[in-house]
N, C-alpha and C. Protein backbone atom coordinates (compact mmCIF):
# COMPACT_ATOMS: atom_id res chain seq x y z
N UNK A 1 -0.25 12.99 2.78
CA UNK A 1 -1.16 12.41 2.10
C UNK A 1 -0.51 10.99 1.55
N UNK A 2 -1.26 9.89 1.54
CA UNK A 2 -1.23 8.71 0.85
C UNK A 2 -0.92 8.66 0.00
N UNK A 3 -0.42 7.15 -0.85
CA UNK A 3 -0.15 6.42 -2.08
C UNK A 3 -0.44 7.37 -3.38
N UNK A 4 -1.66 6.79 -3.10
CA UNK A 4 -2.88 7.40 -4.55
C UNK A 4 -2.46 8.66 -4.45
N UNK A 5 -2.78 9.55 -2.87
CA UNK A 5 -2.41 11.12 -3.27
C UNK A 5 -1.76 11.53 -4.23
N UNK A 6 -0.15 11.33 -3.59
CA UNK A 6 0.93 11.54 -4.37
C UNK A 6 0.98 10.93 -5.74
N UNK A 7 1.01 9.86 -5.76
CA UNK A 7 0.66 9.10 -7.45
C UNK A 7 -0.09 10.07 -8.04
N UNK A 8 -0.88 10.15 -7.90
CA UNK A 8 -1.92 11.51 -9.12
C UNK A 8 -1.08 12.80 -8.91
N UNK A 9 -0.73 13.35 -7.64
CA UNK A 9 0.35 14.51 -8.03
C UNK A 9 1.26 14.49 -8.51
N UNK A 10 1.92 13.31 -8.50
CA UNK A 10 3.23 13.51 -9.22
C UNK A 10 3.19 12.74 -10.99
N UNK A 11 1.74 12.24 -11.16
CA UNK A 11 1.28 11.63 -12.16
C UNK A 11 1.50 13.17 -12.82
N UNK A 12 0.18 14.06 -12.44
CA UNK A 12 0.09 15.74 -13.14
C UNK A 12 1.00 16.00 -13.71
N UNK A 13 2.33 16.04 -12.45
CA UNK A 13 3.87 16.79 -12.86
C UNK A 13 4.01 16.15 -13.60
N UNK A 14 4.40 14.82 -14.21
CA UNK A 14 5.76 14.46 -15.14
C UNK A 14 4.72 14.23 -15.93
N UNK A 15 3.09 14.04 -16.43
CA UNK A 15 2.77 14.46 -17.82
C UNK A 15 1.57 15.92 -18.23
N UNK A 16 3.03 17.24 -16.82
CA UNK A 16 1.84 18.36 -17.71
C UNK A 16 3.16 18.54 -18.53
N UNK A 17 4.16 18.63 -18.98
CA UNK A 17 5.31 18.82 -19.96
C UNK A 17 5.03 17.84 -21.12
N UNK A 18 5.10 18.63 -22.19
CA UNK A 18 4.81 17.69 -23.71
C UNK A 18 6.48 16.86 -23.56
N UNK A 19 6.85 16.52 -23.11
CA UNK A 19 7.67 15.60 -23.29
C UNK A 19 8.00 14.14 -22.35
N UNK A 20 6.85 14.29 -21.49
CA UNK A 20 5.99 13.12 -20.65
C UNK A 20 4.97 11.97 -21.64
N UNK A 21 4.22 13.33 -21.79
CA UNK A 21 3.76 13.38 -22.38
C UNK A 21 3.72 12.32 -24.40
N UNK A 22 4.26 12.76 -24.25
CA UNK A 22 4.36 12.31 -26.14
C UNK A 22 5.43 11.08 -25.62
N UNK A 23 6.18 10.41 -24.42
CA UNK A 23 6.95 9.91 -24.33
C UNK A 23 5.60 8.25 -23.87
N UNK A 24 4.56 8.78 -23.27
CA UNK A 24 3.59 7.97 -23.20
C UNK A 24 2.80 7.42 -24.05
N UNK A 25 2.50 8.47 -24.55
CA UNK A 25 1.92 8.51 -26.03
C UNK A 25 2.41 7.30 -26.97
N UNK A 26 3.68 7.44 -27.33
CA UNK A 26 4.44 6.74 -28.22
C UNK A 26 4.91 5.35 -28.30
N UNK A 27 4.87 5.74 -26.70
CA UNK A 27 5.23 4.19 -26.29
C UNK A 27 4.30 2.89 -25.65
N UNK A 28 2.76 3.82 -25.59
CA UNK A 28 1.62 3.35 -25.39
C UNK A 28 1.59 1.60 -25.40
N UNK A 29 1.51 1.29 -26.17
CA UNK A 29 1.53 -0.34 -26.89
C UNK A 29 2.37 -0.79 -26.07
N UNK A 30 3.76 -0.71 -26.01
CA UNK A 30 4.49 -1.22 -25.37
C UNK A 30 4.12 -0.92 -23.65
N UNK A 31 4.03 -0.15 -23.03
CA UNK A 31 3.33 -0.06 -21.81
C UNK A 31 2.23 -0.34 -21.15
N UNK A 32 0.92 -0.97 -22.54
CA UNK A 32 0.23 -1.97 -21.83
C UNK A 32 0.44 -3.38 -22.46
N UNK A 33 1.24 -3.86 -23.21
CA UNK A 33 1.56 -5.37 -23.13
C UNK A 33 2.45 -5.54 -21.57
N UNK A 34 3.27 -4.81 -21.24
CA UNK A 34 4.42 -4.52 -19.56
C UNK A 34 3.19 -4.73 -18.45
N UNK A 35 2.58 -3.78 -18.94
CA UNK A 35 1.11 -4.32 -17.56
C UNK A 35 0.14 -5.26 -17.89
N UNK A 36 0.12 -5.76 -18.57
CA UNK A 36 -0.05 -7.39 -18.78
C UNK A 36 0.53 -8.23 -18.26
N UNK A 37 2.03 -8.31 -18.81
CA UNK A 37 2.88 -9.29 -18.12
C UNK A 37 3.06 -8.57 -16.70
N UNK A 38 2.72 -7.97 -15.90
CA UNK A 38 2.79 -7.35 -14.06
C UNK A 38 0.88 -8.25 -13.81
N UNK A 39 0.65 -8.09 -14.70
CA UNK A 39 -0.86 -8.53 -14.32
C UNK A 39 -0.29 -10.11 -13.67
N UNK A 40 -0.23 -10.53 -15.52
CA UNK A 40 0.07 -11.61 -14.65
C UNK A 40 0.87 -12.53 -14.09
N UNK A 41 1.60 -11.64 -13.37
CA UNK A 41 3.22 -12.48 -12.39
C UNK A 41 2.35 -12.01 -11.27
N UNK A 42 1.84 -11.02 -10.57
CA UNK A 42 1.80 -10.62 -9.94
C UNK A 42 0.14 -11.76 -9.25
N UNK A 43 -0.24 -12.60 -10.27
CA UNK A 43 -1.37 -12.87 -9.87
C UNK A 43 -1.44 -14.31 -9.94
N UNK A 44 -0.20 -14.69 -10.25
CA UNK A 44 0.12 -16.00 -10.07
C UNK A 44 0.55 -16.78 -8.76
N UNK A 45 0.25 -18.16 -9.10
CA UNK A 45 0.05 -18.97 -7.21
C UNK A 45 1.89 -19.07 -7.10
N UNK A 46 2.20 -19.11 -8.32
CA UNK A 46 4.06 -19.68 -8.21
C UNK A 46 4.95 -18.34 -8.85
N UNK A 47 5.76 -17.89 -8.45
CA UNK A 47 6.81 -16.35 -8.25
C UNK A 47 7.19 -16.15 -9.27
N UNK A 48 6.59 -15.24 -9.91
CA UNK A 48 7.17 -15.17 -11.20
C UNK A 48 8.46 -14.62 -11.77
N UNK A 49 9.12 -15.71 -12.70
CA UNK A 49 10.56 -15.67 -13.39
C UNK A 49 10.99 -14.30 -13.93
N UNK A 50 12.47 -13.49 -13.95
CA UNK A 50 12.38 -11.82 -13.96
C UNK A 50 13.13 -12.14 -15.57
N UNK A 51 12.69 -11.99 -16.76
CA UNK A 51 13.01 -11.92 -17.60
C UNK A 51 14.44 -10.89 -17.95
N UNK A 52 14.84 -9.88 -17.68
CA UNK A 52 15.77 -9.06 -17.36
C UNK A 52 16.70 -9.01 -15.77
N UNK A 53 16.06 -8.60 -15.03
CA UNK A 53 16.74 -8.80 -13.93
C UNK A 53 17.36 -9.57 -13.18
N UNK A 54 17.95 -9.67 -12.59
CA UNK A 54 18.21 -10.40 -11.56
C UNK A 54 17.75 -10.41 -10.37
N UNK A 55 17.92 -11.15 -9.39
CA UNK A 55 16.98 -11.38 -8.57
C UNK A 55 17.84 -10.64 -7.01
N UNK A 56 18.99 -9.80 -7.27
CA UNK A 56 19.62 -8.94 -6.35
C UNK A 56 18.51 -8.24 -6.66
N UNK A 57 19.15 -7.48 -8.14
CA UNK A 57 18.02 -6.54 -8.94
C UNK A 57 16.91 -5.72 -8.71
N UNK A 58 16.30 -7.00 -8.52
CA UNK A 58 14.73 -7.20 -8.75
C UNK A 58 13.92 -7.14 -7.15
N UNK A 59 15.29 -7.36 -6.25
CA UNK A 59 14.60 -7.19 -4.82
C UNK A 59 15.39 -5.42 -4.39
N UNK A 60 15.49 -4.88 -5.38
CA UNK A 60 16.36 -3.99 -4.34
C UNK A 60 15.44 -2.44 -4.91
N UNK A 61 15.11 -2.74 -6.82
CA UNK A 61 13.60 -1.91 -6.82
C UNK A 61 12.39 -2.27 -6.44
N UNK A 62 12.24 -3.15 -6.12
CA UNK A 62 10.60 -3.85 -5.83
C UNK A 62 10.96 -2.84 -4.04
N UNK A 63 11.94 -2.87 -3.05
CA UNK A 63 11.89 -1.91 -2.34
C UNK A 63 12.01 -0.93 -2.66
N UNK A 64 12.46 0.11 -3.62
CA UNK A 64 12.59 1.17 -4.32
C UNK A 64 11.27 1.73 -4.39
N UNK A 65 10.84 1.26 -5.38
CA UNK A 65 9.71 1.32 -6.01
C UNK A 65 8.71 1.45 -4.64
N UNK A 66 8.66 0.67 -4.11
CA UNK A 66 7.63 0.48 -2.78
C UNK A 66 8.00 1.71 -1.67
N UNK A 67 9.18 2.27 -1.40
CA UNK A 67 9.40 2.89 -1.28
C UNK A 67 8.86 4.58 -1.81
N UNK A 68 8.64 4.81 -3.75
CA UNK A 68 8.30 6.59 -4.06
C UNK A 68 6.74 6.46 -4.17
N UNK A 69 6.50 4.96 -4.00
CA UNK A 69 5.08 5.14 -3.88
C UNK A 69 4.12 3.54 -2.75
N UNK A 70 4.18 4.34 -1.35
CA UNK A 70 4.10 3.25 -0.94
C UNK A 70 2.81 2.21 -0.52
N UNK A 71 2.79 1.72 1.14
CA UNK A 71 1.25 1.06 1.07
C UNK A 71 1.07 1.07 2.23
N UNK A 72 -0.08 2.43 1.96
CA UNK A 72 -0.51 2.64 3.38
C UNK A 72 -2.26 2.89 3.57
N UNK A 73 -3.02 3.06 3.09
CA UNK A 73 -4.33 2.80 4.04
C UNK A 73 -5.26 2.89 1.66
N UNK A 74 -4.68 2.87 0.85
CA UNK A 74 -4.71 2.21 -0.67
C UNK A 74 -3.07 1.10 -1.17
N UNK A 75 -3.33 0.72 -2.13
CA UNK A 75 -2.52 -0.13 -2.68
C UNK A 75 -1.38 0.53 -2.70
N UNK A 76 -0.01 0.00 -2.83
CA UNK A 76 1.22 1.06 -3.15
C UNK A 76 2.00 0.60 -4.20
N UNK A 77 3.18 0.51 -5.28
CA UNK A 77 3.81 -0.13 -5.90
C UNK A 77 4.08 -1.69 -6.50
N UNK A 78 4.66 -1.92 -4.78
CA UNK A 78 4.58 -3.63 -4.33
C UNK A 78 3.43 -4.54 -4.38
N UNK A 79 1.93 -3.85 -4.48
CA UNK A 79 0.46 -4.24 -4.36
C UNK A 79 0.68 -4.24 -5.90
N UNK A 80 0.84 -3.18 -7.50
CA UNK A 80 0.73 -3.48 -7.92
C UNK A 80 1.52 -3.69 -9.75
N UNK A 81 2.40 -5.07 -8.70
CA UNK A 81 3.71 -5.45 -9.12
C UNK A 81 4.19 -4.87 -10.01
N UNK A 82 4.82 -3.14 -9.60
CA UNK A 82 5.76 -2.78 -10.38
C UNK A 82 6.82 -3.35 -11.00
N UNK A 83 7.33 -3.72 -10.15
CA UNK A 83 8.57 -4.76 -10.28
C UNK A 83 8.63 -5.03 -11.78
N UNK A 84 7.49 -5.93 -11.67
CA UNK A 84 7.12 -6.74 -13.08
C UNK A 84 6.97 -6.04 -14.59
N UNK A 85 6.43 -4.81 -14.25
CA UNK A 85 6.31 -4.02 -14.89
C UNK A 85 7.57 -3.26 -15.38
N UNK A 86 8.89 -3.15 -14.92
CA UNK A 86 9.53 -2.39 -15.25
C UNK A 86 10.31 -3.40 -15.90
N UNK A 87 10.40 -5.12 -15.30
CA UNK A 87 11.13 -5.67 -15.96
C UNK A 87 11.15 -5.91 -17.27
N UNK A 88 10.48 -6.38 -17.83
CA UNK A 88 9.45 -6.24 -19.42
C UNK A 88 9.92 -4.81 -19.56
N UNK A 89 9.83 -3.98 -19.42
CA UNK A 89 9.84 -2.48 -19.81
C UNK A 89 11.35 -2.69 -20.63
N UNK A 90 11.85 -3.19 -19.16
CA UNK A 90 13.67 -3.05 -19.92
C UNK A 90 14.11 -4.32 -20.61
N UNK A 91 13.16 -5.00 -20.49
CA UNK A 91 13.10 -5.72 -21.85
C UNK A 91 12.53 -4.91 -22.87
N UNK A 92 12.33 -4.77 -23.42
CA UNK A 92 11.34 -4.19 -24.34
C UNK A 92 11.22 -2.45 -24.37
N UNK A 93 10.35 -1.87 -24.59
CA UNK A 93 10.11 -0.06 -24.92
C UNK A 93 11.08 0.77 -24.37
N UNK A 94 11.85 -0.19 -23.33
CA UNK A 94 12.60 0.90 -22.28
C UNK A 94 14.34 -0.21 -22.44
N UNK A 95 14.34 -1.16 -23.17
CA UNK A 95 15.72 -1.81 -22.64
C UNK A 95 16.95 -0.46 -22.67
N UNK A 96 16.99 0.65 -23.90
CA UNK A 96 18.38 1.45 -23.20
C UNK A 96 18.21 1.56 -22.33
N UNK A 97 17.16 1.54 -21.07
CA UNK A 97 17.43 2.24 -19.65
C UNK A 97 18.63 0.63 -19.24
N UNK A 98 18.17 -0.08 -19.25
CA UNK A 98 18.97 -0.80 -18.26
C UNK A 98 20.26 -0.59 -18.22
N UNK A 99 21.04 -0.04 -19.04
CA UNK A 99 22.06 0.26 -18.33
C UNK A 99 22.21 1.72 -17.71
N UNK A 100 21.23 2.33 -17.57
CA UNK A 100 21.06 3.36 -16.73
C UNK A 100 20.68 2.55 -14.76
N UNK A 101 19.65 1.63 -15.24
CA UNK A 101 19.76 1.10 -13.97
C UNK A 101 20.85 0.08 -13.38
N UNK A 102 21.48 -0.50 -14.05
CA UNK A 102 22.20 -1.01 -13.56
C UNK A 102 23.58 -0.44 -12.65
N UNK A 103 24.07 1.08 -13.39
CA UNK A 103 24.68 1.95 -12.91
C UNK A 103 24.17 2.14 -11.20
N UNK A 104 22.53 2.48 -12.04
CA UNK A 104 22.68 3.23 -10.39
C UNK A 104 21.78 2.77 -9.38
N UNK A 105 21.58 1.17 -9.59
CA UNK A 105 21.84 0.38 -8.55
C UNK A 105 22.67 0.40 -8.34
N UNK A 106 23.90 0.20 -8.53
CA UNK A 106 25.57 -0.28 -7.50
C UNK A 106 25.56 1.35 -7.09
N UNK A 107 24.59 2.48 -7.37
CA UNK A 107 25.38 3.77 -7.25
C UNK A 107 24.07 3.95 -5.69
N UNK A 108 23.15 3.38 -6.28
CA UNK A 108 22.53 3.53 -4.31
C UNK A 108 22.94 2.69 -3.36
N UNK A 109 22.91 1.61 -3.47
CA UNK A 109 23.72 0.92 -2.82
C UNK A 109 24.87 1.59 -1.96
N UNK A 110 26.09 1.70 -2.87
CA UNK A 110 27.28 2.36 -2.45
C UNK A 110 26.61 4.48 -2.11
N UNK A 111 25.55 4.54 -2.06
CA UNK A 111 25.06 5.67 -0.90
C UNK A 111 24.66 5.13 0.13
N UNK A 112 24.01 4.23 0.23
CA UNK A 112 23.43 3.41 1.31
C UNK A 112 24.26 3.31 2.16
N UNK A 113 25.85 2.52 2.29
CA UNK A 113 26.51 2.42 2.71
C UNK A 113 26.64 3.10 2.92
N UNK A 114 26.87 4.56 2.77
CA UNK A 114 28.46 5.68 2.92
C UNK A 114 26.67 6.53 3.91
N UNK A 115 25.70 6.48 4.26
CA UNK A 115 24.74 7.07 4.69
C UNK A 115 24.38 6.12 6.65
N UNK A 116 24.47 4.89 5.85
CA UNK A 116 24.33 4.55 7.04
C UNK A 116 25.64 2.67 7.41
N UNK A 117 26.91 3.13 7.63
CA UNK A 117 27.64 1.87 7.98
C UNK A 117 27.55 0.47 8.41
N UNK A 118 27.11 -0.39 7.59
CA UNK A 118 26.61 -1.44 8.51
C UNK A 118 25.73 -1.88 7.43
N UNK A 119 25.25 -0.87 6.86
CA UNK A 119 24.05 -0.87 5.92
C UNK A 119 23.95 -1.82 4.13
N UNK A 120 24.06 -2.90 3.66
CA UNK A 120 24.84 -3.12 2.81
C UNK A 120 24.31 -3.26 1.62
N UNK A 121 22.50 -2.99 2.14
CA UNK A 121 22.00 -2.36 0.99
C UNK A 121 20.36 -1.23 0.81
N UNK A 122 20.24 -0.91 0.14
CA UNK A 122 19.00 -0.09 0.44
C UNK A 122 17.33 -1.07 0.51
N UNK A 123 16.97 -2.30 0.25
CA UNK A 123 16.71 -2.62 0.99
C UNK A 123 16.42 -3.74 2.59
N UNK A 124 18.02 -4.03 2.85
CA UNK A 124 18.64 -4.42 4.10
C UNK A 124 18.27 -2.96 5.54
N UNK A 125 17.47 -1.67 4.21
CA UNK A 125 17.65 -0.93 5.10
C UNK A 125 16.39 -0.47 6.65
N UNK A 126 16.15 -0.10 7.35
CA UNK A 126 14.84 -0.32 7.97
C UNK A 126 14.09 1.27 7.06
N UNK A 127 12.46 1.58 8.04
CA UNK A 127 11.91 1.90 6.98
C UNK A 127 12.24 3.20 6.79
N UNK A 128 12.88 3.27 8.14
CA UNK A 128 13.27 5.17 8.46
C UNK A 128 14.52 5.30 7.05
N UNK A 129 15.33 4.27 7.82
CA UNK A 129 17.08 4.50 6.84
C UNK A 129 16.16 4.23 5.47
N UNK A 130 15.28 3.37 4.76
CA UNK A 130 15.07 4.01 3.21
C UNK A 130 14.41 5.50 2.90
N UNK A 131 13.87 5.87 3.66
CA UNK A 131 13.29 7.32 3.00
C UNK A 131 14.30 8.76 3.30
N UNK A 132 14.94 8.14 4.86
CA UNK A 132 16.09 9.25 4.71
C UNK A 132 17.08 8.99 2.97
N UNK A 133 17.05 7.91 3.13
CA UNK A 133 18.13 7.77 2.00
C UNK A 133 17.40 8.15 0.26
N UNK A 134 15.90 8.04 0.34
CA UNK A 134 15.22 8.56 -0.64
C UNK A 134 15.33 9.70 -0.40
N UNK A 135 14.87 10.45 0.48
CA UNK A 135 14.77 11.84 0.40
C UNK A 135 16.31 12.68 -0.02
N UNK A 136 17.33 11.97 0.23
CA UNK A 136 18.46 12.36 0.00
C UNK A 136 19.21 12.37 -1.21
N UNK A 137 18.13 11.61 -1.66
CA UNK A 137 18.43 11.22 -3.17
C UNK A 137 17.94 12.31 -4.53
N UNK A 138 16.36 12.48 -3.90
CA UNK A 138 16.06 13.08 -4.68
C UNK A 138 15.53 14.23 -4.38
N UNK A 139 15.74 14.92 -3.07
CA UNK A 139 15.04 16.34 -2.89
C UNK A 139 15.70 17.55 -3.08
N UNK A 140 16.94 17.29 -3.29
CA UNK A 140 18.00 18.49 -3.56
C UNK A 140 17.25 18.87 -4.36
N UNK A 141 17.45 20.06 -5.20
CA UNK A 141 17.07 20.93 -6.15
C UNK A 141 17.65 20.83 -7.58
N UNK A 142 18.75 20.84 -7.31
CA UNK A 142 19.47 20.31 -8.15
C UNK A 142 19.11 19.49 -9.02
N UNK A 143 18.44 18.05 -8.55
CA UNK A 143 18.38 16.82 -9.34
C UNK A 143 17.31 17.60 -10.06
N UNK A 144 16.28 17.94 -9.69
CA UNK A 144 14.80 18.21 -10.74
C UNK A 144 16.30 18.92 -12.18
N UNK A 145 17.41 19.10 -12.16
CA UNK A 145 17.92 20.41 -13.09
C UNK A 145 18.85 19.93 -13.81
N UNK A 146 18.90 18.47 -13.30
CA UNK A 146 19.82 16.83 -13.70
C UNK A 146 20.95 17.78 -14.44
N UNK A 147 21.25 18.18 -12.18
CA UNK A 147 22.81 18.03 -12.01
C UNK A 147 22.73 17.68 -10.68
N UNK A 148 23.89 16.54 -10.45
CA UNK A 148 23.70 15.83 -9.62
C UNK A 148 24.42 16.45 -8.83
N UNK A 149 23.74 16.01 -7.17
CA UNK A 149 23.88 16.84 -6.16
C UNK A 149 25.89 17.10 -5.40
N UNK A 150 26.02 17.26 -5.39
CA UNK A 150 27.88 17.13 -3.92
C UNK A 150 27.53 15.61 -3.74
N UNK A 151 27.95 14.07 -3.50
CA UNK A 151 28.59 13.55 -2.94
C UNK A 151 27.67 12.61 -3.19
N UNK A 152 26.50 13.27 -4.41
CA UNK A 152 26.01 11.49 -5.18
C UNK A 152 26.52 10.75 -5.51
N UNK A 153 27.19 9.24 -6.20
CA UNK A 153 27.60 8.29 -7.06
C UNK A 153 26.96 8.94 -7.73
N UNK A 154 27.56 8.76 -8.43
CA UNK A 154 27.99 8.73 -10.43
C UNK A 154 26.73 8.31 -10.96
N UNK A 155 26.04 7.97 -11.87
CA UNK A 155 24.18 7.73 -12.02
C UNK A 155 23.35 8.05 -11.67
N UNK A 156 23.03 8.23 -10.03
CA UNK A 156 22.25 8.60 -9.04
C UNK A 156 21.44 9.12 -9.59
N UNK A 157 21.67 10.30 -10.14
CA UNK A 157 20.66 11.56 -11.14
C UNK A 157 19.46 11.37 -11.92
N UNK A 158 20.59 10.07 -12.74
CA UNK A 158 19.43 9.65 -14.36
C UNK A 158 18.74 8.49 -13.73
N UNK A 159 19.68 8.17 -13.02
CA UNK A 159 18.42 6.43 -12.36
C UNK A 159 16.90 6.49 -11.32
N UNK A 160 17.16 7.70 -10.57
CA UNK A 160 16.33 8.26 -9.44
C UNK A 160 15.11 8.99 -10.64
N UNK A 161 15.34 9.92 -11.85
CA UNK A 161 14.61 10.17 -12.43
C UNK A 161 14.07 9.56 -13.31
N UNK A 162 14.57 8.49 -13.81
CA UNK A 162 13.67 8.09 -14.21
C UNK A 162 13.05 6.69 -13.79
N UNK A 163 13.82 6.10 -12.40
CA UNK A 163 13.17 5.18 -11.56
C UNK A 163 11.72 6.10 -11.53
N UNK A 164 11.83 6.94 -11.00
CA UNK A 164 10.54 7.82 -10.79
C UNK A 164 9.21 7.81 -11.97
N UNK A 165 10.30 8.04 -13.29
CA UNK A 165 9.10 8.23 -13.84
C UNK A 165 8.61 6.83 -14.23
N UNK A 166 9.10 5.88 -14.50
CA UNK A 166 8.97 4.23 -15.00
C UNK A 166 7.69 4.07 -13.83
N UNK A 167 8.21 4.18 -13.24
CA UNK A 167 7.03 3.31 -11.74
C UNK A 167 6.13 4.38 -11.44
N UNK A 168 5.67 5.63 -11.60
CA UNK A 168 4.10 6.10 -11.63
C UNK A 168 3.44 5.51 -13.13
N UNK A 169 4.06 5.93 -13.72
CA UNK A 169 3.56 5.08 -14.92
C UNK A 169 2.73 3.73 -14.50
N UNK A 170 4.21 2.73 -15.14
CA UNK A 170 4.06 0.90 -13.84
C UNK A 170 2.46 1.71 -13.29
N UNK A 171 2.31 1.98 -12.14
CA UNK A 171 1.61 2.29 -11.39
C UNK A 171 0.04 2.50 -12.14
N UNK A 172 0.15 3.75 -12.28
CA UNK A 172 -1.01 4.03 -12.90
C UNK A 172 -1.52 3.87 -13.89
N UNK A 173 -0.33 2.74 -14.38
CA UNK A 173 -0.75 2.59 -16.97
C UNK A 173 -2.63 1.92 -16.15
N UNK A 174 -3.51 2.27 -17.36
CA UNK A 174 -4.25 1.39 -17.43
C UNK A 174 -4.71 -0.07 -17.15
N UNK A 175 -5.35 -0.23 -15.99
CA UNK A 175 -5.89 -1.78 -16.27
C UNK A 175 -6.84 -2.68 -16.98
N UNK A 176 -7.51 -1.21 -18.18
CA UNK A 176 -8.23 -2.51 -19.41
C UNK A 176 -7.26 -3.01 -20.57
N UNK A 177 -5.61 -3.07 -20.47
CA UNK A 177 -5.02 -3.20 -20.76
C UNK A 177 -4.34 -4.61 -19.94
N UNK A 178 -5.09 -5.13 -19.06
CA UNK A 178 -4.15 -6.21 -18.09
C UNK A 178 -3.59 -5.68 -17.35
N UNK A 179 -3.49 -4.07 -16.65
CA UNK A 179 -2.64 -3.80 -16.26
C UNK A 179 -2.36 -3.97 -14.42
N UNK A 180 -1.99 -2.88 -13.25
CA UNK A 180 -1.51 -3.44 -12.75
C UNK A 180 -3.05 -3.54 -11.64
N UNK A 181 -2.77 -4.49 -10.50
CA UNK A 181 -3.89 -5.09 -9.93
C UNK A 181 -4.85 -4.51 -9.08
N UNK A 182 -5.96 -4.93 -9.50
CA UNK A 182 -7.08 -4.57 -8.56
C UNK A 182 -7.08 -3.15 -9.40
N UNK A 183 -7.14 -2.74 -10.55
CA UNK A 183 -7.18 -1.48 -10.58
C UNK A 183 -6.45 0.02 -9.73
N UNK A 184 -5.20 -0.34 -8.92
CA UNK A 184 -4.65 0.41 -8.12
C UNK A 184 -4.78 1.63 -8.62
N UNK A 185 -3.87 1.74 -9.81
CA UNK A 185 -3.11 2.86 -10.78
C UNK A 185 -4.44 3.67 -11.02
N UNK A 186 -5.53 3.30 -11.57
CA UNK A 186 -6.49 3.97 -11.98
C UNK A 186 -7.34 5.03 -10.93
N UNK A 187 -7.49 3.64 -9.72
CA UNK A 187 -8.18 4.70 -9.01
C UNK A 187 -7.33 5.68 -8.24
N UNK A 188 -5.95 6.05 -7.84
CA UNK A 188 -5.34 6.63 -7.94
C UNK A 188 -5.54 8.23 -8.22
N UNK A 189 -5.76 8.20 -9.26
CA UNK A 189 -6.05 9.27 -10.31
C UNK A 189 -7.63 9.86 -10.24
N UNK A 190 -8.48 8.98 -9.64
CA UNK A 190 -9.61 8.82 -9.85
C UNK A 190 -9.88 8.65 -10.89
N UNK A 191 -9.59 7.47 -11.75
CA UNK A 191 -10.73 7.37 -12.60
C UNK A 191 -11.52 6.31 -13.00
N UNK A 192 -12.66 5.60 -12.47
CA UNK A 192 -13.29 4.94 -12.55
C UNK A 192 -13.24 3.42 -13.19
N UNK A 193 -12.22 2.89 -12.83
CA UNK A 193 -12.32 1.47 -13.46
C UNK A 193 -13.08 0.94 -14.90
N UNK A 194 -14.33 0.72 -14.69
CA UNK A 194 -15.06 0.91 -15.49
C UNK A 194 -15.22 1.93 -16.78
N UNK A 195 -15.45 2.76 -16.23
CA UNK A 195 -15.71 3.54 -17.56
C UNK A 195 -14.62 2.98 -19.50
N UNK A 196 -15.56 3.26 -20.10
CA UNK A 196 -15.25 3.15 -21.65
C UNK A 196 -15.92 4.61 -22.47
N UNK A 197 -15.62 4.70 -23.56
CA UNK A 197 -15.95 5.47 -25.05
C UNK A 197 -17.28 4.72 -25.55
N UNK A 198 -18.58 5.93 -24.81
CA UNK A 198 -19.55 6.21 -25.34
C UNK A 198 -19.93 6.73 -26.05
N UNK A 199 -21.42 6.72 -26.51
CA UNK A 199 -21.90 7.90 -27.19
C UNK A 199 -22.47 9.21 -26.34
N UNK A 200 -21.64 10.28 -26.99
CA UNK A 200 -21.53 10.70 -28.26
C UNK A 200 -20.40 10.54 -29.34
N UNK A 201 -19.08 9.66 -28.27
CA UNK A 201 -17.88 9.43 -28.82
C UNK A 201 -17.80 8.65 -29.99
N UNK A 202 -17.34 9.13 -31.14
CA UNK A 202 -17.30 8.01 -32.35
C UNK A 202 -16.25 8.21 -32.84
N UNK A 203 -16.03 7.59 -33.86
CA UNK A 203 -14.71 7.33 -35.33
C UNK A 203 -13.46 8.02 -34.90
N UNK A 204 -14.02 9.47 -34.37
CA UNK A 204 -13.16 10.96 -33.71
C UNK A 204 -12.62 10.01 -33.09
N UNK A 205 -12.41 9.67 -32.11
CA UNK A 205 -11.95 8.81 -30.46
C UNK A 205 -10.52 8.26 -31.20
N UNK A 206 -10.92 7.38 -31.91
CA UNK A 206 -10.33 5.89 -32.73
C UNK A 206 -9.09 5.94 -32.12
N UNK A 207 -8.51 6.79 -32.56
CA UNK A 207 -7.01 6.96 -32.80
C UNK A 207 -6.51 7.73 -30.90
N UNK A 208 -7.50 7.52 -30.32
CA UNK A 208 -6.76 8.13 -28.99
C UNK A 208 -6.37 7.07 -28.09
N UNK A 209 -5.32 7.07 -27.14
CA UNK A 209 -4.44 5.71 -26.63
C UNK A 209 -5.35 5.21 -25.91
N UNK A 210 -5.51 3.80 -26.07
CA UNK A 210 -6.24 3.27 -25.18
C UNK A 210 -7.45 3.16 -25.33
N UNK A 211 -7.93 3.66 -26.50
CA UNK A 211 -9.08 3.70 -27.04
C UNK A 211 -10.07 2.63 -27.42
N UNK A 212 -11.41 2.12 -26.90
CA UNK A 212 -12.02 1.00 -26.80
C UNK A 212 -13.09 1.19 -26.91
N UNK A 213 -14.33 0.22 -27.75
CA UNK A 213 -15.40 0.11 -27.60
C UNK A 213 -16.02 -0.25 -26.13
N UNK A 214 -17.07 0.32 -25.77
CA UNK A 214 -18.45 -0.17 -24.72
C UNK A 214 -18.31 -1.38 -25.21
N UNK A 215 -18.26 -2.36 -24.03
CA UNK A 215 -18.66 -3.88 -23.66
C UNK A 215 -19.85 -3.89 -24.26
N UNK A 216 -19.77 -4.57 -25.47
CA UNK A 216 -21.44 -4.80 -27.06
C UNK A 216 -21.57 -4.09 -27.39
N UNK A 217 -20.94 -3.14 -26.99
CA UNK A 217 -21.27 -1.93 -28.47
C UNK A 217 -20.33 -1.45 -30.01
N UNK A 218 -20.59 -1.18 -30.15
CA UNK A 218 -19.94 -1.27 -31.78
C UNK A 218 -19.76 0.17 -32.04
N UNK A 219 -18.98 0.44 -33.11
CA UNK A 219 -18.14 1.78 -32.61
C UNK A 219 -18.74 2.77 -33.71
N UNK A 220 -18.76 3.83 -33.46
CA UNK A 220 -19.60 5.12 -33.49
C UNK A 220 -19.39 5.95 -35.09
N UNK A 221 -20.42 5.38 -36.21
CA UNK A 221 -20.10 6.63 -37.23
C UNK A 221 -20.52 7.35 -36.81
C-alpha cells in the first residue's frame, strides 16, 4: 500500500466519527492558514525558520511524519511540508497540544534507546528500525482505546494519537488555501485539484468549509 492509499484510508477512519469531523470543521480557518504557511515554507529558496519547534524537535517530527506517511511512488508527508504545518498549528489552533508534543518526543527518544541501544533518537535510526519503533508505538490494540501499552514511556499514547491525526490533516488539507505542495493531499484522497463549486450549487453551499466560487464566476442565487 503506497502513501496515498494509506493516507486516504486513515483520513476516512479519522473523520468517520463525529469528533474528528467536528474538530476539522471548527478548526478549518486555522488549518488553512497553517497550510498556507507550510506551502510557503517548502517553496522558499532558503530553509524556513521554525516558529515554535526547536531544530531538534523539528528534525524528529520530520522523521516521524515521514514514517507515518512515507514517500514511495507518490509524495509523502515530507514533500507536503507537514512539519511546517505542525509548527504553525502548535503556535495557533493546536497550541494546547504543545506539552503533549514535548513530552511525547522525549518519550519516543527514550523508547528508541530502549529498543535499539546505541541509537540516540528516532531520526538517527535506519528505515527498518524506524518502522519497528513506530509499529511498536502504534500497533497495540490498547493504544486505540487510549490505554498506554505496558512498557511505553508516559505520554507516548496521547502523543502518537495526536501526531497521527494532525499529520494526516496536514497532508490532506485543501491546497486551494495554499496547502501542501503539488496537491499531494487531495491527490491522495482522489479529489481533483481543479475542483470548485459550480452550478447547480448556490448560496446554500456558502457555509460549507472551504467553499469558494468558481474562478471568474459569481455567487449563485
